[in-house]
């Protein structure tokens, strides 16, 4: 058994964080699970030093519900500074943080905010391991809901390599328990699903499983400054990535079994 006894999870109730907590618990680790819901706010730092008492590693799976670049950037950069500050004061040894594949050239929206997050993280005093992940299977339903007008859902033209949040959680825990050598150059490690897919294609499979929306339309992203990366493979896994199932179709069947 690993010598890590106590691991904290920021964003523990979120789409990814809840899986991280599950994996850590299944492996027998002592888990400090926190989020705003239990009074610990990584954006303001409230309650953070106390929550990190005795913690050796923090896994940051937190997110923001806003895709607005300014709001998301403010959240992520403040969170990075606070985790470094509180973590150093509490004796934390390392931070393990999730990011997004293909954001190196991002200039807009949530992806640009995560790029700012990465840069802020690397400025801090604590060692940081960043794992870049593809878009989650779970995001397809969210984007379908965002784009639905009546019986039609408009999905952005987007190539991705969809991966299950549980799969990403397992990779984050592995980094927390078995730290990789300090990274001085080269690309960040990546985790992605086993095959490239389009967001609209995945939404079509989801709609067939759930009985709607009736029509999925792939809409052009003329107003998206990052359109080139979205449409032409910039969000796909690099050659060094770890590829892991299930596929989106397999995940759908497991998540929404036939009645």
C-alpha atoms as a PDB file:
ATOM      1  CA  UNK A   1       0.000   0.000   0.000  1.00  0.00           C
ATOM      2  CA  UNK A   2       1.242   3.496  -0.773  1.00  0.00           C
ATOM      3  CA  UNK A   3       2.664   5.663   2.015  1.00  0.00           C
ATOM      4  CA  UNK A   4       0.251   8.460   1.089  1.00  0.00           C
ATOM      5  CA  UNK A   5      -2.228   8.577   3.908  1.00  0.00           C
ATOM      6  CA  UNK A   6      -4.235  11.706   3.283  1.00  0.00           C
ATOM      7  CA  UNK A   7      -5.268  13.221  -0.068  1.00  0.00           C
ATOM      8  CA  UNK A   8      -7.500  16.258  -0.484  1.00  0.00           C
ATOM      9  CA  UNK A   9      -9.889  16.717  -3.410  1.00  0.00           C
ATOM     10  CA  UNK A  10     -10.919  20.226  -4.420  1.00  0.00           C
ATOM     11  CA  UNK A  11     -14.225  20.341  -6.276  1.00  0.00           C
ATOM     12  CA  UNK A  12     -15.158  17.040  -4.668  1.00  0.00           C
ATOM     13  CA  UNK A  13     -18.858  17.221  -5.534  1.00  0.00           C
ATOM     14  CA  UNK A  14     -18.391  18.098  -9.197  1.00  0.00           C
ATOM     15  CA  UNK A  15     -18.620  16.057 -12.378  1.00  0.00           C
ATOM     16  CA  UNK A  16     -15.009  14.875 -12.059  1.00  0.00           C
ATOM     17  CA  UNK A  17     -14.365  15.332  -8.358  1.00  0.00           C
ATOM     18  CA  UNK A  18     -16.987  12.854  -7.218  1.00  0.00           C
ATOM     19  CA  UNK A  19     -15.240  10.138  -9.254  1.00  0.00           C
ATOM     20  CA  UNK A  20     -11.849  11.111  -7.793  1.00  0.00           C
ATOM     21  CA  UNK A  21     -13.295  10.707  -4.294  1.00  0.00           C
ATOM     22  CA  UNK A  22     -14.748   7.314  -5.243  1.00  0.00           C
ATOM     23  CA  UNK A  23     -11.442   6.026  -6.663  1.00  0.00           C
ATOM     24  CA  UNK A  24      -9.441   7.213  -3.647  1.00  0.00           C
ATOM     25  CA  UNK A  25     -11.951   5.683  -1.246  1.00  0.00           C
ATOM     26  CA  UNK A  26     -11.944   2.381  -3.127  1.00  0.00           C
ATOM     27  CA  UNK A  27      -8.146   2.288  -2.857  1.00  0.00           C
ATOM     28  CA  UNK A  28      -8.270   2.828   0.897  1.00  0.00           C
ATOM     29  CA  UNK A  29      -6.854   6.342   1.134  1.00  0.00           C
ATOM     30  CA  UNK A  30      -7.953   8.902   3.691  1.00  0.00           C
ATOM     31  CA  UNK A  31      -9.842  11.503   1.676  1.00  0.00           C
ATOM     32  CA  UNK A  32     -10.461  15.135   2.526  1.00  0.00           C
ATOM     33  CA  UNK A  33     -13.274  16.049   0.169  1.00  0.00           C
ATOM     34  CA  UNK A  34     -14.159  19.715   0.027  1.00  0.00           C
ATOM     35  CA  UNK A  35     -16.049  22.241  -2.059  1.00  0.00           C
ATOM     36  CA  UNK A  36     -18.013  25.424  -1.491  1.00  0.00           C
ATOM     37  CA  UNK A  37     -20.893  23.232  -0.346  1.00  0.00           C
ATOM     38  CA  UNK A  38     -19.018  22.363   2.850  1.00  0.00           C
ATOM     39  CA  UNK A  39     -17.566  25.795   3.466  1.00  0.00           C
ATOM     40  CA  UNK A  40     -14.188  25.592   1.771  1.00  0.00           C
ATOM     41  CA  UNK A  41     -13.755  28.091  -1.063  1.00  0.00           C
ATOM     42  CA  UNK A  42     -10.604  27.819  -3.142  1.00  0.00           C
ATOM     43  CA  UNK A  43     -11.394  31.056  -4.982  1.00  0.00           C
ATOM     44  CA  UNK A  44     -11.397  33.166  -1.805  1.00  0.00           C
ATOM     45  CA  UNK A  45      -9.247  30.814   0.266  1.00  0.00           C
ATOM     46  CA  UNK A  46     -11.859  30.607   3.033  1.00  0.00           C
ATOM     47  CA  UNK A  47     -11.339  27.491   5.167  1.00  0.00           C
ATOM     48  CA  UNK A  48      -8.560  26.183   2.953  1.00  0.00           C
ATOM     49  CA  UNK A  49      -5.609  26.076   5.361  1.00  0.00           C
ATOM     50  CA  UNK A  50      -7.719  24.256   7.940  1.00  0.00           C
ATOM     51  CA  UNK A  51      -9.001  21.764   5.364  1.00  0.00           C
ATOM     52  CA  UNK A  52      -5.458  20.933   4.240  1.00  0.00           C
ATOM     53  CA  UNK A  53      -4.090  20.136   7.710  1.00  0.00           C
ATOM     54  CA  UNK A  54      -2.090  16.906   7.462  1.00  0.00           C
ATOM     55  CA  UNK A  55      -2.757  16.530   3.718  1.00  0.00           C
ATOM     56  CA  UNK A  56       0.156  15.345   1.570  1.00  0.00           C
ATOM     57  CA  UNK A  57      -1.305  15.791  -1.922  1.00  0.00           C
ATOM     58  CA  UNK A  58      -4.138  17.911  -3.307  1.00  0.00           C
ATOM     59  CA  UNK A  59      -6.022  16.807  -6.408  1.00  0.00           C
ATOM     60  CA  UNK A  60      -7.714  19.855  -7.913  1.00  0.00           C
ATOM     61  CA  UNK A  61     -10.765  18.755  -9.891  1.00  0.00           C
ATOM     62  CA  UNK A  62     -12.601  22.041  -9.419  1.00  0.00           C
ATOM     63  CA  UNK A  63     -14.362  23.939 -12.159  1.00  0.00           C
ATOM     64  CA  UNK A  64     -16.601  26.922 -12.691  1.00  0.00           C
ATOM     65  CA  UNK A  65     -20.128  26.813 -14.117  1.00  0.00           C
ATOM     66  CA  UNK A  66     -19.386  29.861 -16.260  1.00  0.00           C
ATOM     67  CA  UNK A  67     -17.833  29.519 -19.698  1.00  0.00           C
ATOM     68  CA  UNK A  68     -17.175  33.273 -19.727  1.00  0.00           C
ATOM     69  CA  UNK A  69     -13.445  33.743 -20.184  1.00  0.00           C
ATOM     70  CA  UNK A  70     -13.103  36.575 -17.676  1.00  0.00           C
ATOM     71  CA  UNK A  71     -15.113  34.907 -14.921  1.00  0.00           C
ATOM     72  CA  UNK A  72     -13.426  31.536 -15.423  1.00  0.00           C
ATOM     73  CA  UNK A  73      -9.939  33.065 -15.569  1.00  0.00           C
ATOM     74  CA  UNK A  74     -10.522  34.949 -12.329  1.00  0.00           C
ATOM     75  CA  UNK A  75     -11.678  31.754 -10.636  1.00  0.00           C
ATOM     76  CA  UNK A  76      -8.847  29.534 -11.846  1.00  0.00           C
ATOM     77  CA  UNK A  77      -5.986  31.963 -11.234  1.00  0.00           C
ATOM     78  CA  UNK A  78      -7.248  32.781  -7.737  1.00  0.00           C
ATOM     79  CA  UNK A  79      -7.671  29.069  -7.008  1.00  0.00           C
ATOM     80  CA  UNK A  80      -4.120  28.339  -8.143  1.00  0.00           C
ATOM     81  CA  UNK A  81      -2.649  31.053  -5.918  1.00  0.00           C
ATOM     82  CA  UNK A  82      -4.733  30.005  -2.923  1.00  0.00           C
ATOM     83  CA  UNK A  83      -3.877  26.313  -3.237  1.00  0.00           C
ATOM     84  CA  UNK A  84      -0.183  27.138  -3.404  1.00  0.00           C
ATOM     85  CA  UNK A  85      -0.380  29.536  -0.456  1.00  0.00           C
ATOM     86  CA  UNK A  86      -2.585  27.430   1.803  1.00  0.00           C
ATOM     87  CA  UNK A  87      -0.875  24.227   0.726  1.00  0.00           C
ATOM     88  CA  UNK A  88       2.564  25.558   1.576  1.00  0.00           C
ATOM     89  CA  UNK A  89       1.332  26.793   4.975  1.00  0.00           C
ATOM     90  CA  UNK A  90      -0.277  23.412   5.699  1.00  0.00           C
ATOM     91  CA  UNK A  91       2.727  21.336   4.620  1.00  0.00           C
ATOM     92  CA  UNK A  92       1.233  19.909   1.401  1.00  0.00           C
ATOM     93  CA  UNK A  93       3.859  18.230  -0.770  1.00  0.00           C
ATOM     94  CA  UNK A  94       2.307  18.385  -4.262  1.00  0.00           C
ATOM     95  CA  UNK A  95      -0.637  19.554  -6.338  1.00  0.00           C
ATOM     96  CA  UNK A  96      -2.181  17.376  -9.057  1.00  0.00           C
ATOM     97  CA  UNK A  97      -4.433  19.337 -11.395  1.00  0.00           C
ATOM     98  CA  UNK A  98      -6.595  18.513 -14.405  1.00  0.00           C
ATOM     99  CA  UNK A  99      -6.497  20.625 -17.552  1.00  0.00           C
ATOM    100  CA  UNK A 100      -7.558  20.274 -21.201  1.00  0.00           C
ATOM    101  CA  UNK A 101      -5.838  18.798 -24.248  1.00  0.00           C
ATOM    102  CA  UNK A 102      -4.976  21.184 -27.053  1.00  0.00           C
ATOM    103  CA  UNK A 103      -5.312  24.563 -25.331  1.00  0.00           C
ATOM    104  CA  UNK A 104      -1.835  25.934 -26.102  1.00  0.00           C
ATOM    105  CA  UNK A 105      -3.158  28.373 -28.715  1.00  0.00           C
ATOM    106  CA  UNK A 106      -6.521  29.102 -27.072  1.00  0.00           C
ATOM    107  CA  UNK A 107      -7.471  32.776 -26.919  1.00  0.00           C
ATOM    108  CA  UNK A 108     -11.154  32.622 -25.946  1.00  0.00           C
ATOM    109  CA  UNK A 109     -13.631  31.094 -23.528  1.00  0.00           C
ATOM    110  CA  UNK A 110     -13.117  28.331 -20.988  1.00  0.00           C
ATOM    111  CA  UNK A 111     -10.079  26.852 -22.751  1.00  0.00           C
ATOM    112  CA  UNK A 112      -8.205  30.149 -22.595  1.00  0.00           C
ATOM    113  CA  UNK A 113      -9.075  30.369 -18.898  1.00  0.00           C
ATOM    114  CA  UNK A 114      -7.589  26.916 -18.312  1.00  0.00           C
ATOM    115  CA  UNK A 115      -4.421  27.964 -20.140  1.00  0.00           C
ATOM    116  CA  UNK A 116      -4.149  30.908 -17.743  1.00  0.00           C
ATOM    117  CA  UNK A 117      -4.742  28.410 -14.924  1.00  0.00           C
ATOM    118  CA  UNK A 118      -1.807  26.270 -16.032  1.00  0.00           C
ATOM    119  CA  UNK A 119       0.493  29.293 -16.216  1.00  0.00           C
ATOM    120  CA  UNK A 120      -0.508  30.502 -12.757  1.00  0.00           C
ATOM    121  CA  UNK A 121      -0.004  27.021 -11.299  1.00  0.00           C
ATOM    122  CA  UNK A 122       3.566  26.818 -12.580  1.00  0.00           C
ATOM    123  CA  UNK A 123       4.463  30.095 -10.815  1.00  0.00           C
ATOM    124  CA  UNK A 124       3.763  28.768  -7.322  1.00  0.00           C
ATOM    125  CA  UNK A 125       6.124  27.286  -4.751  1.00  0.00           C
ATOM    126  CA  UNK A 126       4.680  23.753  -4.621  1.00  0.00           C
ATOM    127  CA  UNK A 127       5.503  21.047  -7.175  1.00  0.00           C
ATOM    128  CA  UNK A 128       2.609  20.707  -9.630  1.00  0.00           C
ATOM    129  CA  UNK A 129       1.645  17.865 -11.942  1.00  0.00           C
ATOM    130  CA  UNK A 130      -0.817  18.830 -14.662  1.00  0.00           C
ATOM    131  CA  UNK A 131      -2.798  16.165 -16.498  1.00  0.00           C
ATOM    132  CA  UNK A 132      -4.492  17.323 -19.685  1.00  0.00           C
ATOM    133  CA  UNK A 133      -7.709  15.473 -20.503  1.00  0.00           C
ATOM    134  CA  UNK A 134     -10.026  15.359 -23.495  1.00  0.00           C
ATOM    135  CA  UNK A 135     -13.634  16.485 -23.144  1.00  0.00           C
ATOM    136  CA  UNK A 136     -15.664  14.238 -20.855  1.00  0.00           C
ATOM    137  CA  UNK A 137     -18.444  11.948 -22.045  1.00  0.00           C
ATOM    138  CA  UNK A 138     -20.626  13.752 -19.531  1.00  0.00           C
ATOM    139  CA  UNK A 139     -20.124  17.063 -21.361  1.00  0.00           C
ATOM    140  CA  UNK A 140     -22.108  15.901 -24.391  1.00  0.00           C
ATOM    141  CA  UNK A 141     -25.441  16.104 -22.580  1.00  0.00           C
ATOM    142  CA  UNK A 142     -24.558  19.521 -21.162  1.00  0.00           C
ATOM    143  CA  UNK A 143     -23.659  20.931 -24.581  1.00  0.00           C
ATOM    144  CA  UNK A 144     -26.759  19.380 -26.106  1.00  0.00           C
ATOM    145  CA  UNK A 145     -28.925  21.097 -23.502  1.00  0.00           C
ATOM    146  CA  UNK A 146     -27.150  24.415 -24.073  1.00  0.00           C
ATOM    147  CA  UNK A 147     -27.752  24.200 -27.818  1.00  0.00           C
ATOM    148  CA  UNK A 148     -31.352  22.977 -27.817  1.00  0.00           C
ATOM    149  CA  UNK A 149     -34.011  25.203 -29.341  1.00  0.00           C
ATOM    150  CA  UNK A 150     -37.350  23.425 -29.512  1.00  0.00           C
ATOM    151  CA  UNK A 151     -36.783  20.011 -31.073  1.00  0.00           C
ATOM    152  CA  UNK A 152     -33.408  20.922 -32.568  1.00  0.00           C
ATOM    153  CA  UNK A 153     -30.008  20.945 -30.867  1.00  0.00           C
ATOM    154  CA  UNK A 154     -27.181  22.932 -32.402  1.00  0.00           C
ATOM    155  CA  UNK A 155     -23.743  21.541 -31.562  1.00  0.00           C
ATOM    156  CA  UNK A 156     -20.451  23.227 -32.457  1.00  0.00           C
ATOM    157  CA  UNK A 157     -18.285  21.740 -35.160  1.00  0.00           C
ATOM    158  CA  UNK A 158     -15.784  20.061 -32.911  1.00  0.00           C
ATOM    159  CA  UNK A 159     -13.474  17.067 -33.148  1.00  0.00           C
ATOM    160  CA  UNK A 160     -12.522  15.551 -29.832  1.00  0.00           C
ATOM    161  CA  UNK A 161     -11.474  12.284 -28.247  1.00  0.00           C
ATOM    162  CA  UNK A 162     -14.185  11.921 -25.614  1.00  0.00           C
ATOM    163  CA  UNK A 163     -13.187  10.253 -22.348  1.00  0.00           C
ATOM    164  CA  UNK A 164     -15.149   9.164 -19.292  1.00  0.00           C
ATOM    165  CA  UNK A 165     -14.756  11.322 -16.183  1.00  0.00           C
ATOM    166  CA  UNK A 166     -14.156   8.132 -14.184  1.00  0.00           C
ATOM    167  CA  UNK A 167     -11.208   7.289 -16.467  1.00  0.00           C
ATOM    168  CA  UNK A 168      -9.720  10.741 -15.913  1.00  0.00           C
ATOM    169  CA  UNK A 169     -10.228  10.368 -12.165  1.00  0.00           C
ATOM    170  CA  UNK A 170      -8.293   7.103 -12.162  1.00  0.00           C
ATOM    171  CA  UNK A 171      -5.401   8.781 -13.994  1.00  0.00           C
ATOM    172  CA  UNK A 172      -5.360  11.714 -11.550  1.00  0.00           C
ATOM    173  CA  UNK A 173      -5.291   9.361  -8.576  1.00  0.00           C
ATOM    174  CA  UNK A 174      -2.446   7.404 -10.149  1.00  0.00           C
ATOM    175  CA  UNK A 175      -0.441  10.639 -10.451  1.00  0.00           C
ATOM    176  CA  UNK A 176      -1.228  11.513  -6.848  1.00  0.00           C
ATOM    177  CA  UNK A 177      -0.201   8.102  -5.539  1.00  0.00           C
ATOM    178  CA  UNK A 178       2.696   7.414  -7.917  1.00  0.00           C
ATOM    179  CA  UNK A 179       4.250  10.789  -8.768  1.00  0.00           C
ATOM    180  CA  UNK A 180       5.906  11.121 -12.135  1.00  0.00           C
ATOM    181  CA  UNK A 181       9.385  12.701 -12.359  1.00  0.00           C
ATOM    182  CA  UNK A 182       9.355  16.491 -12.203  1.00  0.00           C
ATOM    183  CA  UNK A 183       8.547  17.901 -15.636  1.00  0.00           C
ATOM    184  CA  UNK A 184      11.012  20.454 -16.934  1.00  0.00           C
ATOM    185  CA  UNK A 185      10.152  20.414 -20.629  1.00  0.00           C
ATOM    186  CA  UNK A 186       8.052  18.570 -23.191  1.00  0.00           C
ATOM    187  CA  UNK A 187       4.289  18.205 -23.351  1.00  0.00           C
ATOM    188  CA  UNK A 188       2.035  17.666 -20.365  1.00  0.00           C
ATOM    189  CA  UNK A 189       0.787  14.091 -19.902  1.00  0.00           C
ATOM    190  CA  UNK A 190      -2.584  13.487 -21.546  1.00  0.00           C
ATOM    191  CA  UNK A 191      -5.540  11.150 -21.060  1.00  0.00           C
ATOM    192  CA  UNK A 192      -8.136  10.656 -23.792  1.00  0.00           C
ATOM    193  CA  UNK A 193     -10.689   8.201 -25.079  1.00  0.00           C
ATOM    194  CA  UNK A 194      -9.848   5.437 -27.536  1.00  0.00           C
ATOM    195  CA  UNK A 195     -11.050   7.145 -30.709  1.00  0.00           C
ATOM    196  CA  UNK A 196     -11.685  10.559 -32.289  1.00  0.00           C
ATOM    197  CA  UNK A 197     -15.329  11.609 -32.446  1.00  0.00           C
ATOM    198  CA  UNK A 198     -17.326  14.716 -33.244  1.00  0.00           C
ATOM    199  CA  UNK A 199     -19.423  16.440 -30.619  1.00  0.00           C
ATOM    200  CA  UNK A 200     -22.423  16.421 -32.946  1.00  0.00           C
ATOM    201  CA  UNK A 201     -21.989  12.719 -33.658  1.00  0.00           C
ATOM    202  CA  UNK A 202     -21.883  11.943 -29.946  1.00  0.00           C
ATOM    203  CA  UNK A 203     -24.954  14.128 -29.383  1.00  0.00           C
ATOM    204  CA  UNK A 204     -26.789  12.170 -32.066  1.00  0.00           C
ATOM    205  CA  UNK A 205     -26.068   8.913 -30.211  1.00  0.00           C
ATOM    206  CA  UNK A 206     -27.228  10.524 -26.964  1.00  0.00           C
ATOM    207  CA  UNK A 207     -30.435  11.819 -28.524  1.00  0.00           C
ATOM    208  CA  UNK A 208     -31.240   8.376 -29.912  1.00  0.00           C
ATOM    209  CA  UNK A 209     -30.727   6.877 -26.463  1.00  0.00           C
ATOM    210  CA  UNK A 210     -32.818   9.494 -24.639  1.00  0.00           C
ATOM    211  CA  UNK A 211     -35.506   9.998 -27.277  1.00  0.00           C
ATOM    212  CA  UNK A 212     -34.653  13.568 -28.209  1.00  0.00           C
ATOM    213  CA  UNK A 213     -33.956  16.210 -29.346  1.00  0.00           C
ATOM    214  CA  UNK A 214     -35.394  15.178 -32.685  1.00  0.00           C
ATOM    215  CA  UNK A 215     -32.605  16.707 -34.745  1.00  0.00           C
ATOM    216  CA  UNK A 216     -28.922  17.437 -34.179  1.00  0.00           C
ATOM    217  CA  UNK A 217     -27.352  20.097 -36.382  1.00  0.00           C
ATOM    218  CA  UNK A 218     -23.628  20.765 -36.494  1.00  0.00           C
ATOM    219  CA  UNK A 219     -23.278  24.522 -36.478  1.00  0.00           C
ATOM    220  CA  UNK A 220     -20.265  26.385 -37.754  1.00  0.00           C
ATOM    221  CA  UNK A 221     -18.214  28.341 -35.273  1.00  0.00           C
ATOM    222  CA  UNK A 222     -17.682  31.499 -37.300  1.00  0.00           C
ATOM    223  CA  UNK A 223     -17.574  33.618 -34.132  1.00  0.00           C
ATOM    224  CA  UNK A 224     -15.146  31.307 -32.312  1.00  0.00           C
ATOM    225  CA  UNK A 225     -11.556  32.621 -32.376  1.00  0.00           C
ATOM    226  CA  UNK A 226     -10.387  29.069 -31.611  1.00  0.00           C
ATOM    227  CA  UNK A 227     -12.355  27.570 -34.494  1.00  0.00           C
ATOM    228  CA  UNK A 228      -9.284  26.130 -36.219  1.00  0.00           C
ATOM    229  CA  UNK A 229      -8.371  23.994 -33.196  1.00  0.00           C
ATOM    230  CA  UNK A 230     -11.970  22.876 -32.637  1.00  0.00           C
ATOM    231  CA  UNK A 231     -12.582  21.794 -36.216  1.00  0.00           C
ATOM    232  CA  UNK A 232      -9.233  20.504 -37.430  1.00  0.00           C
ATOM    233  CA  UNK A 233      -8.006  18.172 -34.744  1.00  0.00           C
ATOM    234  CA  UNK A 234      -6.341  20.569 -32.333  1.00  0.00           C
ATOM    235  CA  UNK A 235      -8.271  19.039 -29.425  1.00  0.00           C
ATOM    236  CA  UNK A 236      -7.303  15.447 -30.262  1.00  0.00           C
ATOM    237  CA  UNK A 237      -4.820  13.500 -28.168  1.00  0.00           C
ATOM    238  CA  UNK A 238      -1.131  13.823 -28.921  1.00  0.00           C
ATOM    239  CA  UNK A 239       1.077  10.828 -29.773  1.00  0.00           C
ATOM    240  CA  UNK A 240       2.267  10.598 -26.147  1.00  0.00           C
ATOM    241  CA  UNK A 241      -1.270  10.408 -24.680  1.00  0.00           C
ATOM    242  CA  UNK A 242      -2.682   7.518 -22.698  1.00  0.00           C
ATOM    243  CA  UNK A 243      -5.830   6.263 -24.458  1.00  0.00           C
ATOM    244  CA  UNK A 244      -8.428   4.510 -22.333  1.00  0.00           C
ATOM    245  CA  UNK A 245     -12.009   3.378 -22.718  1.00  0.00           C
ATOM    246  CA  UNK A 246     -14.866   3.135 -22.604  1.00  0.00           C
ATOM    247  CA  UNK A 247     -15.883   4.640 -25.924  1.00  0.00           C
ATOM    248  CA  UNK A 248     -18.756   7.095 -25.805  1.00  0.00           C
ATOM    249  CA  UNK A 249     -21.161   4.471 -27.179  1.00  0.00           C
ATOM    250  CA  UNK A 250     -20.076   1.946 -24.539  1.00  0.00           C
ATOM    251  CA  UNK A 251     -20.406   4.554 -21.800  1.00  0.00           C
ATOM    252  CA  UNK A 252     -23.896   5.475 -23.040  1.00  0.00           C
ATOM    253  CA  UNK A 253     -25.037   1.855 -22.893  1.00  0.00           C
ATOM    254  CA  UNK A 254     -23.690   1.496 -19.357  1.00  0.00           C
ATOM    255  CA  UNK A 255     -25.087   4.827 -18.164  1.00  0.00           C
ATOM    256  CA  UNK A 256     -28.503   4.455 -19.775  1.00  0.00           C
ATOM    257  CA  UNK A 257     -29.175   0.694 -19.903  1.00  0.00           C
ATOM    258  CA  UNK A 258     -32.096  -0.517 -21.968  1.00  0.00           C
ATOM    259  CA  UNK A 259     -35.251  -1.020 -19.924  1.00  0.00           C
END
